[in-house]
């Protein structure tokens, strides 16, 4: 599904909630990932969802600033200490081509309310300016 950013450029997203027999689902159930998750949260993890995001070189849109827990909460996941995100880059990620960026100290802000901005779930742009 195409997802537009605030500039009108588009990236593609596919999302699923059940692990299947496909290659991408195998990543989600790999022993190394599951063991790392268990070590981080202190108990057996469960799979909430997997997504694949595709940003076309030079023309693809960006993902608006968001906090994963901000939209997980709205989907019924109420305990952030039992949740985490994992990213597996299939190609080189650099600032020039739009790699994942993390706002230093943002994990200490608590849950930030999310809304829909530029067609994506994310943090209110005015809140980011503060």
Protein backbone atom coordinates (compact mmCIF):
# COMPACT_ATOMS: atom_id res chain seq x y z
CA UNK A 1 0.00 0.00 0.00
CA UNK A 2 1.40 3.43 -0.87
CA UNK A 3 1.97 5.82 2.06
CA UNK A 4 2.39 9.52 1.31
CA UNK A 5 4.61 11.76 3.40
CA UNK A 6 4.16 15.47 4.16
CA UNK A 7 5.80 16.40 0.84
CA UNK A 8 3.43 14.20 -1.19
CA UNK A 9 6.09 11.63 -2.06
CA UNK A 10 5.20 8.00 -1.61
CA UNK A 11 6.78 4.92 -0.08
CA UNK A 12 5.33 1.42 -0.02
CA UNK A 13 4.32 -0.63 2.99
CA UNK A 14 3.04 -4.13 3.51
CA UNK A 15 2.08 -5.35 6.95
CA UNK A 16 0.95 -8.65 8.42
CA UNK A 17 0.12 -9.93 11.88
CA UNK A 18 0.70 -13.68 11.50
CA UNK A 19 3.96 -15.39 10.67
CA UNK A 20 3.64 -17.64 7.65
CA UNK A 21 5.95 -19.96 5.76
CA UNK A 22 7.54 -17.18 3.69
CA UNK A 23 11.14 -15.98 3.89
CA UNK A 24 10.31 -12.73 5.69
CA UNK A 25 8.33 -14.55 8.39
CA UNK A 26 11.37 -16.77 8.93
CA UNK A 27 13.28 -13.69 10.08
CA UNK A 28 10.64 -13.06 12.75
CA UNK A 29 10.96 -16.53 14.19
CA UNK A 30 14.72 -16.93 13.82
CA UNK A 31 16.46 -18.30 16.89
CA UNK A 32 18.89 -15.38 17.16
CA UNK A 33 16.11 -12.75 17.06
CA UNK A 34 13.82 -14.63 19.46
CA UNK A 35 16.68 -15.25 21.91
CA UNK A 36 17.74 -11.58 21.80
CA UNK A 37 14.13 -10.49 22.37
CA UNK A 38 13.76 -12.86 25.32
CA UNK A 39 16.99 -11.54 26.84
CA UNK A 40 15.81 -7.93 26.43
CA UNK A 41 12.31 -8.26 27.84
CA UNK A 42 12.95 -11.11 30.27
CA UNK A 43 10.26 -13.46 29.01
CA UNK A 44 9.15 -15.34 25.92
CA UNK A 45 8.30 -12.80 23.18
CA UNK A 46 5.33 -12.94 20.89
CA UNK A 47 5.01 -11.58 17.38
CA UNK A 48 2.73 -8.56 17.00
CA UNK A 49 3.37 -7.66 13.38
CA UNK A 50 5.92 -7.60 10.60
CA UNK A 51 6.17 -4.94 7.97
CA UNK A 52 8.23 -4.37 4.88
CA UNK A 53 8.85 -0.79 3.87
CA UNK A 54 10.13 0.13 0.43
CA UNK A 55 11.43 3.56 -0.38
CA UNK A 56 12.34 4.07 -4.02
CA UNK A 57 15.82 5.59 -4.53
CA UNK A 58 15.82 9.40 -4.87
CA UNK A 59 12.03 9.67 -5.33
CA UNK A 60 10.60 7.72 -2.39
CA UNK A 61 8.88 9.43 0.49
CA UNK A 62 9.93 9.38 4.10
CA UNK A 63 8.33 7.95 7.20
CA UNK A 64 7.12 10.79 9.37
CA UNK A 65 8.47 11.06 12.91
CA UNK A 66 6.74 8.57 15.14
CA UNK A 67 7.16 6.61 18.32
CA UNK A 68 6.30 2.95 17.87
CA UNK A 69 4.66 2.76 21.28
CA UNK A 70 2.56 5.79 20.38
CA UNK A 71 0.57 3.79 17.86
CA UNK A 72 0.98 0.39 19.50
CA UNK A 73 -0.88 1.81 22.50
CA UNK A 74 -3.82 2.77 20.29
CA UNK A 75 -3.82 -0.83 19.00
CA UNK A 76 -4.11 -2.31 22.51
CA UNK A 77 -0.47 -2.89 23.49
CA UNK A 78 -0.37 -1.18 26.86
CA UNK A 79 2.98 -2.25 28.35
CA UNK A 80 5.99 -0.69 26.57
CA UNK A 81 8.50 -2.63 28.65
CA UNK A 82 7.31 -5.79 26.90
CA UNK A 83 7.57 -4.35 23.38
CA UNK A 84 10.40 -3.48 21.07
CA UNK A 85 11.08 -2.95 17.42
CA UNK A 86 13.70 -4.64 15.35
CA UNK A 87 14.88 -3.44 11.97
CA UNK A 88 16.68 -5.57 9.44
CA UNK A 89 18.10 -3.52 6.59
CA UNK A 90 18.36 -5.41 3.33
CA UNK A 91 20.50 -2.76 1.68
CA UNK A 92 22.82 0.01 2.84
CA UNK A 93 21.24 2.59 5.12
CA UNK A 94 22.79 6.04 5.24
CA UNK A 95 21.51 9.51 6.13
CA UNK A 96 21.76 10.35 2.44
CA UNK A 97 19.33 7.59 1.44
CA UNK A 98 16.98 7.96 4.41
CA UNK A 99 18.12 5.57 7.13
CA UNK A 100 16.30 5.11 10.42
CA UNK A 101 17.03 7.98 12.80
CA UNK A 102 16.41 7.93 16.54
CA UNK A 103 15.86 11.06 18.60
CA UNK A 104 18.36 10.96 21.46
CA UNK A 105 16.60 10.61 24.81
CA UNK A 106 13.17 10.13 23.26
CA UNK A 107 12.73 6.84 25.12
CA UNK A 108 12.54 8.91 28.31
CA UNK A 109 9.58 11.02 27.14
CA UNK A 110 6.90 8.43 27.86
CA UNK A 111 4.15 7.71 25.40
CA UNK A 112 3.50 10.48 22.90
CA UNK A 113 0.00 10.74 21.48
CA UNK A 114 -0.24 10.04 17.76
CA UNK A 115 -2.56 11.25 15.09
CA UNK A 116 -2.69 11.06 11.33
CA UNK A 117 -0.42 13.56 9.63
CA UNK A 118 0.32 13.53 5.92
CA UNK A 119 -1.56 10.22 5.65
CA UNK A 120 0.64 8.45 8.22
CA UNK A 121 0.33 7.75 11.93
CA UNK A 122 2.83 9.92 13.70
CA UNK A 123 3.76 12.59 16.19
CA UNK A 124 2.13 15.99 15.77
CA UNK A 125 4.74 18.10 13.90
CA UNK A 126 4.13 20.99 16.32
CA UNK A 127 5.13 18.72 19.24
CA UNK A 128 8.42 17.94 17.46
CA UNK A 129 9.30 21.63 17.36
CA UNK A 130 9.22 21.86 21.18
